[in-house]
Amino acid sequence: ASCAVCARHLLAGDPVQAYDRLALSVQPFV
């Protein structure tokens, strides 16, 4: 879900929101 939301923000031209959402996936992946 985090990767999908990140991708949506990237495609919309908002890499800051994309990164902030992607960062939430780090601990679940670990």
PDB file of all heavy atoms in Angstrom:
ATOM      1  N   ALA A   1       0.825  -1.207   0.000  1.00  0.00           N
ATOM      2  CA  ALA A   1       0.000   0.000   0.000  1.00  0.00           C
ATOM      3  C   ALA A   1       0.859   1.257   0.000  1.00  0.00           C
ATOM      4  O   ALA A   1       0.591   2.211  -0.737  1.00  0.00           O
ATOM      5  CB  ALA A   1      -0.930   0.000   1.210  1.00  0.00           C
ATOM      6  N   SER A   2       1.914   1.268   0.802  1.00  0.00           N
ATOM      7  CA  SER A   2       2.790   2.439   0.871  1.00  0.00           C
ATOM      8  C   SER A   2       3.484   2.691  -0.459  1.00  0.00           C
ATOM      9  O   SER A   2       3.621   3.840  -0.892  1.00  0.00           O
ATOM     10  CB  SER A   2       3.835   2.260   1.979  1.00  0.00           C
ATOM     11  OG  SER A   2       3.241   2.356   3.255  1.00  0.00           O
ATOM     12  N   CYS A   3       3.928   1.628  -1.114  1.00  0.00           N
ATOM     13  CA  CYS A   3       4.568   1.797  -2.415  1.00  0.00           C
ATOM     14  C   CYS A   3       3.575   2.323  -3.440  1.00  0.00           C
ATOM     15  O   CYS A   3       3.919   3.163  -4.285  1.00  0.00           O
ATOM     16  CB  CYS A   3       5.187   0.478  -2.876  1.00  0.00           C
ATOM     17  SG  CYS A   3       6.679   0.006  -1.952  1.00  0.00           S
ATOM     18  N   ALA A   4       2.340   1.854  -3.385  1.00  0.00           N
ATOM     19  CA  ALA A   4       1.319   2.330  -4.322  1.00  0.00           C
ATOM     20  C   ALA A   4       1.000   3.804  -4.090  1.00  0.00           C
ATOM     21  O   ALA A   4       0.884   4.586  -5.046  1.00  0.00           O
ATOM     22  CB  ALA A   4       0.054   1.484  -4.195  1.00  0.00           C
ATOM     23  N   VAL A   5       0.858   4.194  -2.828  1.00  0.00           N
ATOM     24  CA  VAL A   5       0.579   5.601  -2.520  1.00  0.00           C
ATOM     25  C   VAL A   5       1.766   6.471  -2.929  1.00  0.00           C
ATOM     26  O   VAL A   5       1.593   7.560  -3.490  1.00  0.00           O
ATOM     27  CB  VAL A   5       0.258   5.773  -1.026  1.00  0.00           C
ATOM     28  CG1 VAL A   5       0.097   7.253  -0.682  1.00  0.00           C
ATOM     29  CG2 VAL A   5      -1.006   5.011  -0.654  1.00  0.00           C
ATOM     30  N   CYS A   6       2.973   5.994  -2.647  1.00  0.00           N
ATOM     31  CA  CYS A   6       4.179   6.703  -3.072  1.00  0.00           C
ATOM     32  C   CYS A   6       4.171   6.904  -4.587  1.00  0.00           C
ATOM     33  O   CYS A   6       4.429   8.003  -5.086  1.00  0.00           O
ATOM     34  CB  CYS A   6       5.414   5.917  -2.633  1.00  0.00           C
ATOM     35  SG  CYS A   6       6.970   6.517  -3.321  1.00  0.00           S
ATOM     36  N   ALA A   7       3.865   5.843  -5.330  1.00  0.00           N
ATOM     37  CA  ALA A   7       3.833   5.931  -6.788  1.00  0.00           C
ATOM     38  C   ALA A   7       2.802   6.957  -7.259  1.00  0.00           C
ATOM     39  O   ALA A   7       3.051   7.730  -8.195  1.00  0.00           O
ATOM     40  CB  ALA A   7       3.529   4.560  -7.383  1.00  0.00           C
ATOM     41  N   ARG A   8       1.649   6.970  -6.607  1.00  0.00           N
ATOM     42  CA  ARG A   8       0.605   7.934  -7.003  1.00  0.00           C
ATOM     43  C   ARG A   8       1.095   9.369  -6.816  1.00  0.00           C
ATOM     44  O   ARG A   8       0.883  10.236  -7.665  1.00  0.00           O
ATOM     45  CB  ARG A   8      -0.664   7.694  -6.184  1.00  0.00           C
ATOM     46  CG  ARG A   8      -1.816   8.622  -6.569  1.00  0.00           C
ATOM     47  CD  ARG A   8      -3.134   8.148  -5.980  1.00  0.00           C
ATOM     48  NE  ARG A   8      -3.157   8.229  -4.543  1.00  0.00           N
ATOM     49  CZ  ARG A   8      -3.410   9.350  -3.839  1.00  0.00           C
ATOM     50  NH1 ARG A   8      -3.644  10.491  -4.474  1.00  0.00           N
ATOM     51  NH2 ARG A   8      -3.436   9.330  -2.513  1.00  0.00           N
ATOM     52  N   HIS A   9       1.762   9.634  -5.684  1.00  0.00           N
ATOM     53  CA  HIS A   9       2.299  10.980  -5.448  1.00  0.00           C
ATOM     54  C   HIS A   9       3.390  11.328  -6.453  1.00  0.00           C
ATOM     55  O   HIS A   9       3.466  12.471  -6.929  1.00  0.00           O
ATOM     56  CB  HIS A   9       2.849  11.082  -4.030  1.00  0.00           C
ATOM     57  CG  HIS A   9       1.804  11.182  -2.964  1.00  0.00           C
ATOM     58  ND1 HIS A   9       0.800  12.130  -2.987  1.00  0.00           N
ATOM     59  CD2 HIS A   9       1.620  10.465  -1.821  1.00  0.00           C
ATOM     60  CE1 HIS A   9       0.035  11.992  -1.906  1.00  0.00           C
ATOM     61  NE2 HIS A   9       0.508  10.985  -1.194  1.00  0.00           N
ATOM     62  N   LEU A  10       4.245  10.370  -6.780  1.00  0.00           N
ATOM     63  CA  LEU A  10       5.300  10.639  -7.757  1.00  0.00           C
ATOM     64  C   LEU A  10       4.719  10.995  -9.120  1.00  0.00           C
ATOM     65  O   LEU A  10       5.154  11.958  -9.762  1.00  0.00           O
ATOM     66  CB  LEU A  10       6.222   9.428  -7.890  1.00  0.00           C
ATOM     67  CG  LEU A  10       7.165   9.142  -6.720  1.00  0.00           C
ATOM     68  CD1 LEU A  10       7.924   7.841  -6.963  1.00  0.00           C
ATOM     69  CD2 LEU A  10       8.149  10.296  -6.520  1.00  0.00           C
ATOM     70  N   LEU A  11       3.747  10.214  -9.552  1.00  0.00           N
ATOM     71  CA  LEU A  11       3.140  10.465 -10.857  1.00  0.00           C
ATOM     72  C   LEU A  11       2.369  11.779 -10.883  1.00  0.00           C
ATOM     73  O   LEU A  11       2.169  12.369 -11.948  1.00  0.00           O
ATOM     74  CB  LEU A  11       2.229   9.300 -11.241  1.00  0.00           C
ATOM     75  CG  LEU A  11       2.964   7.973 -11.490  1.00  0.00           C
ATOM     76  CD1 LEU A  11       1.970   6.829 -11.650  1.00  0.00           C
ATOM     77  CD2 LEU A  11       3.850   8.070 -12.723  1.00  0.00           C
ATOM     78  N   ALA A  12       1.946  12.241  -9.689  1.00  0.00           N
ATOM     79  CA  ALA A  12       1.256  13.528  -9.592  1.00  0.00           C
ATOM     80  C   ALA A  12       2.239  14.683  -9.440  1.00  0.00           C
ATOM     81  O   ALA A  12       1.830  15.846  -9.345  1.00  0.00           O
ATOM     82  CB  ALA A  12       0.278  13.517  -8.418  1.00  0.00           C
ATOM     83  N   GLY A  13       3.548  14.381  -9.392  1.00  0.00           N
ATOM     84  CA  GLY A  13       4.560  15.423  -9.298  1.00  0.00           C
ATOM     85  C   GLY A  13       4.834  15.914  -7.906  1.00  0.00           C
ATOM     86  O   GLY A  13       5.289  17.052  -7.729  1.00  0.00           O
ATOM     87  N   ASP A  14       4.606  15.085  -6.897  1.00  0.00           N
ATOM     88  CA  ASP A  14       4.826  15.492  -5.504  1.00  0.00           C
ATOM     89  C   ASP A  14       5.782  14.505  -4.824  1.00  0.00           C
ATOM     90  O   ASP A  14       5.349  13.646  -4.045  1.00  0.00           O
ATOM     91  CB  ASP A  14       3.500  15.553  -4.751  1.00  0.00           C
ATOM     92  CG  ASP A  14       3.632  16.243  -3.393  1.00  0.00           C
ATOM     93  OD1 ASP A  14       4.767  16.434  -2.925  1.00  0.00           O
ATOM     94  OD2 ASP A  14       2.583  16.588  -2.799  1.00  0.00           O
ATOM     95  N   PRO A  15       7.086  14.622  -5.084  1.00  0.00           N
ATOM     96  CA  PRO A  15       8.034  13.672  -4.501  1.00  0.00           C
ATOM     97  C   PRO A  15       8.189  13.793  -2.984  1.00  0.00           C
ATOM     98  O   PRO A  15       8.608  12.834  -2.342  1.00  0.00           O
ATOM     99  CB  PRO A  15       9.346  13.990  -5.229  1.00  0.00           C
ATOM    100  CG  PRO A  15       9.200  15.404  -5.670  1.00  0.00           C
ATOM    101  CD  PRO A  15       7.746  15.584  -5.991  1.00  0.00           C
ATOM    102  N   VAL A  16       7.867  14.943  -2.432  1.00  0.00           N
ATOM    103  CA  VAL A  16       7.995  15.103  -0.969  1.00  0.00           C
ATOM    104  C   VAL A  16       6.948  14.242  -0.265  1.00  0.00           C
ATOM    105  O   VAL A  16       7.262  13.475   0.650  1.00  0.00           O
ATOM    106  CB  VAL A  16       7.860  16.583  -0.559  1.00  0.00           C
ATOM    107  CG1 VAL A  16       7.933  16.712   0.959  1.00  0.00           C
ATOM    108  CG2 VAL A  16       8.964  17.412  -1.214  1.00  0.00           C
ATOM    109  N   GLN A  17       5.696  14.359  -0.694  1.00  0.00           N
ATOM    110  CA  GLN A  17       4.655  13.508  -0.136  1.00  0.00           C
ATOM    111  C   GLN A  17       4.950  12.038  -0.435  1.00  0.00           C
ATOM    112  O   GLN A  17       4.698  11.164   0.394  1.00  0.00           O
ATOM    113  CB  GLN A  17       3.292  13.892  -0.733  1.00  0.00           C
ATOM    114  CG  GLN A  17       2.724  15.195  -0.209  1.00  0.00           C
ATOM    115  CD  GLN A  17       2.207  15.080   1.218  1.00  0.00           C
ATOM    116  OE1 GLN A  17       1.975  13.986   1.724  1.00  0.00           O
ATOM    117  NE2 GLN A  17       2.047  16.213   1.878  1.00  0.00           N
ATOM    118  N   ALA A  18       5.500  11.783  -1.617  1.00  0.00           N
ATOM    119  CA  ALA A  18       5.837  10.413  -1.992  1.00  0.00           C
ATOM    120  C   ALA A  18       6.861   9.829  -1.021  1.00  0.00           C
ATOM    121  O   ALA A  18       6.713   8.695  -0.552  1.00  0.00           O
ATOM    122  CB  ALA A  18       6.380  10.371  -3.416  1.00  0.00           C
ATOM    123  N   TYR A  19       7.904  10.592  -0.727  1.00  0.00           N
ATOM    124  CA  TYR A  19       8.927  10.084   0.191  1.00  0.00           C
ATOM    125  C   TYR A  19       8.366   9.876   1.590  1.00  0.00           C
ATOM    126  O   TYR A  19       8.627   8.845   2.230  1.00  0.00           O
ATOM    127  CB  TYR A  19      10.133  11.026   0.273  1.00  0.00           C
ATOM    128  CG  TYR A  19      11.120  10.510   1.283  1.00  0.00           C
ATOM    129  CD1 TYR A  19      11.979   9.463   0.968  1.00  0.00           C
ATOM    130  CD2 TYR A  19      11.125  10.996   2.596  1.00  0.00           C
ATOM    131  CE1 TYR A  19      12.835   8.930   1.913  1.00  0.00           C
ATOM    132  CE2 TYR A  19      11.979  10.464   3.549  1.00  0.00           C
ATOM    133  CZ  TYR A  19      12.824   9.434   3.194  1.00  0.00           C
ATOM    134  OH  TYR A  19      13.667   8.885   4.161  1.00  0.00           O
ATOM    135  N   ASP A  20       7.599  10.842   2.068  1.00  0.00           N
ATOM    136  CA  ASP A  20       7.069  10.734   3.428  1.00  0.00           C
ATOM    137  C   ASP A  20       6.202   9.494   3.574  1.00  0.00           C
ATOM    138  O   ASP A  20       6.210   8.833   4.619  1.00  0.00           O
ATOM    139  CB  ASP A  20       6.278  11.991   3.792  1.00  0.00           C
ATOM    140  CG  ASP A  20       7.180  13.205   3.976  1.00  0.00           C
ATOM    141  OD1 ASP A  20       8.414  13.022   4.103  1.00  0.00           O
ATOM    142  OD2 ASP A  20       6.658  14.338   3.973  1.00  0.00           O
ATOM    143  N   ARG A  21       5.461   9.160   2.516  1.00  0.00           N
ATOM    144  CA  ARG A  21       4.644   7.951   2.596  1.00  0.00           C
ATOM    145  C   ARG A  21       5.508   6.700   2.465  1.00  0.00           C
ATOM    146  O   ARG A  21       5.297   5.710   3.174  1.00  0.00           O
ATOM    147  CB  ARG A  21       3.573   7.981   1.510  1.00  0.00           C
ATOM    148  CG  ARG A  21       2.669   6.748   1.545  1.00  0.00           C
ATOM    149  CD  ARG A  21       2.122   6.554   2.957  1.00  0.00           C
ATOM    150  NE  ARG A  21       1.643   5.230   3.176  1.00  0.00           N
ATOM    151  CZ  ARG A  21       0.377   4.935   3.450  1.00  0.00           C
ATOM    152  NH1 ARG A  21      -0.516   5.892   3.498  1.00  0.00           N
ATOM    153  NH2 ARG A  21       0.023   3.698   3.666  1.00  0.00           N
ATOM    154  N   LEU A  22       6.490   6.738   1.584  1.00  0.00           N
ATOM    155  CA  LEU A  22       7.369   5.586   1.417  1.00  0.00           C
ATOM    156  C   LEU A  22       8.104   5.258   2.711  1.00  0.00           C
ATOM    157  O   LEU A  22       8.313   4.083   3.038  1.00  0.00           O
ATOM    158  CB  LEU A  22       8.382   5.867   0.303  1.00  0.00           C
ATOM    159  CG  LEU A  22       9.364   4.746  -0.029  1.00  0.00           C
ATOM    160  CD1 LEU A  22       8.630   3.534  -0.596  1.00  0.00           C
ATOM    161  CD2 LEU A  22      10.407   5.245  -1.024  1.00  0.00           C
ATOM    162  N   ALA A  23       8.474   6.285   3.448  1.00  0.00           N
ATOM    163  CA  ALA A  23       9.205   6.071   4.706  1.00  0.00           C
ATOM    164  C   ALA A  23       8.395   5.235   5.693  1.00  0.00           C
ATOM    165  O   ALA A  23       8.971   4.511   6.525  1.00  0.00           O
ATOM    166  CB  ALA A  23       9.574   7.420   5.329  1.00  0.00           C
ATOM    167  N   LEU A  24       7.069   5.292   5.581  1.00  0.00           N
ATOM    168  CA  LEU A  24       6.226   4.509   6.488  1.00  0.00           C
ATOM    169  C   LEU A  24       6.309   3.015   6.204  1.00  0.00           C
ATOM    170  O   LEU A  24       5.889   2.201   7.033  1.00  0.00           O
ATOM    171  CB  LEU A  24       4.771   4.967   6.370  1.00  0.00           C
ATOM    172  CG  LEU A  24       4.476   6.408   6.782  1.00  0.00           C
ATOM    173  CD1 LEU A  24       2.993   6.713   6.589  1.00  0.00           C
ATOM    174  CD2 LEU A  24       4.889   6.667   8.230  1.00  0.00           C
ATOM    175  N   SER A  25       6.857   2.649   5.052  1.00  0.00           N
ATOM    176  CA  SER A  25       6.953   1.232   4.692  1.00  0.00           C
ATOM    177  C   SER A  25       8.223   0.578   5.213  1.00  0.00           C
ATOM    178  O   SER A  25       8.375  -0.641   5.136  1.00  0.00           O
ATOM    179  CB  SER A  25       6.893   1.063   3.171  1.00  0.00           C
ATOM    180  OG  SER A  25       8.077   1.568   2.566  1.00  0.00           O
ATOM    181  N   VAL A  26       9.143   1.381   5.748  1.00  0.00           N
ATOM    182  CA  VAL A  26      10.450   0.834   6.149  1.00  0.00           C
ATOM    183  C   VAL A  26      10.310  -0.178   7.273  1.00  0.00           C
ATOM    184  O   VAL A  26      10.805  -1.313   7.170  1.00  0.00           O
ATOM    185  CB  VAL A  26      11.413   1.966   6.540  1.00  0.00           C
ATOM    186  CG1 VAL A  26      12.680   1.388   7.178  1.00  0.00           C
ATOM    187  CG2 VAL A  26      11.778   2.795   5.314  1.00  0.00           C
ATOM    188  N   GLN A  27       9.649   0.197   8.354  1.00  0.00           N
ATOM    189  CA  GLN A  27       9.561  -0.733   9.490  1.00  0.00           C
ATOM    190  C   GLN A  27       8.747  -1.982   9.158  1.00  0.00           C
ATOM    191  O   GLN A  27       9.170  -3.093   9.505  1.00  0.00           O
ATOM    192  CB  GLN A  27       8.983  -0.035  10.718  1.00  0.00           C
ATOM    193  CG  GLN A  27       9.111  -0.861  11.995  1.00  0.00           C
ATOM    194  CD  GLN A  27      10.552  -1.258  12.297  1.00  0.00           C
ATOM    195  OE1 GLN A  27      11.445  -0.415  12.336  1.00  0.00           O
ATOM    196  NE2 GLN A  27      10.792  -2.552  12.486  1.00  0.00           N
ATOM    197  N   PRO A  28       7.598  -1.861   8.476  1.00  0.00           N
ATOM    198  CA  PRO A  28       6.903  -3.089   8.078  1.00  0.00           C
ATOM    199  C   PRO A  28       7.759  -3.998   7.212  1.00  0.00           C
ATOM    200  O   PRO A  28       7.728  -5.224   7.364  1.00  0.00           O
ATOM    201  CB  PRO A  28       5.678  -2.573   7.308  1.00  0.00           C
ATOM    202  CG  PRO A  28       5.431  -1.225   7.862  1.00  0.00           C
ATOM    203  CD  PRO A  28       6.786  -0.670   8.179  1.00  0.00           C
ATOM    204  N   PHE A  29       8.559  -3.408   6.309  1.00  0.00           N
ATOM    205  CA  PHE A  29       9.406  -4.261   5.482  1.00  0.00           C
ATOM    206  C   PHE A  29      10.499  -4.926   6.308  1.00  0.00           C
ATOM    207  O   PHE A  29      10.822  -6.101   6.097  1.00  0.00           O
ATOM    208  CB  PHE A  29      10.030  -3.494   4.320  1.00  0.00           C
ATOM    209  CG  PHE A  29      10.810  -4.400   3.416  1.00  0.00           C
ATOM    210  CD1 PHE A  29      10.154  -5.113   2.421  1.00  0.00           C
ATOM    211  CD2 PHE A  29      12.162  -4.606   3.601  1.00  0.00           C
ATOM    212  CE1 PHE A  29      10.850  -6.014   1.620  1.00  0.00           C
ATOM    213  CE2 PHE A  29      12.869  -5.495   2.806  1.00  0.00           C
ATOM    214  CZ  PHE A  29      12.213  -6.200   1.812  1.00  0.00           C
ATOM    215  N   VAL A  30      11.074  -4.191   7.239  1.00  0.00           N
ATOM    216  CA  VAL A  30      12.089  -4.779   8.121  1.00  0.00           C
ATOM    217  C   VAL A  30      11.494  -5.933   8.919  1.00  0.00           C
ATOM    218  O   VAL A  30      12.129  -6.990   9.081  1.00  0.00           O
ATOM    219  CB  VAL A  30      12.677  -3.705   9.056  1.00  0.00           C
ATOM    220  CG1 VAL A  30      13.490  -4.338  10.182  1.00  0.00           C
ATOM    221  CG2 VAL A  30      13.556  -2.738   8.270  1.00  0.00           C
TER     222      VAL A  30
END
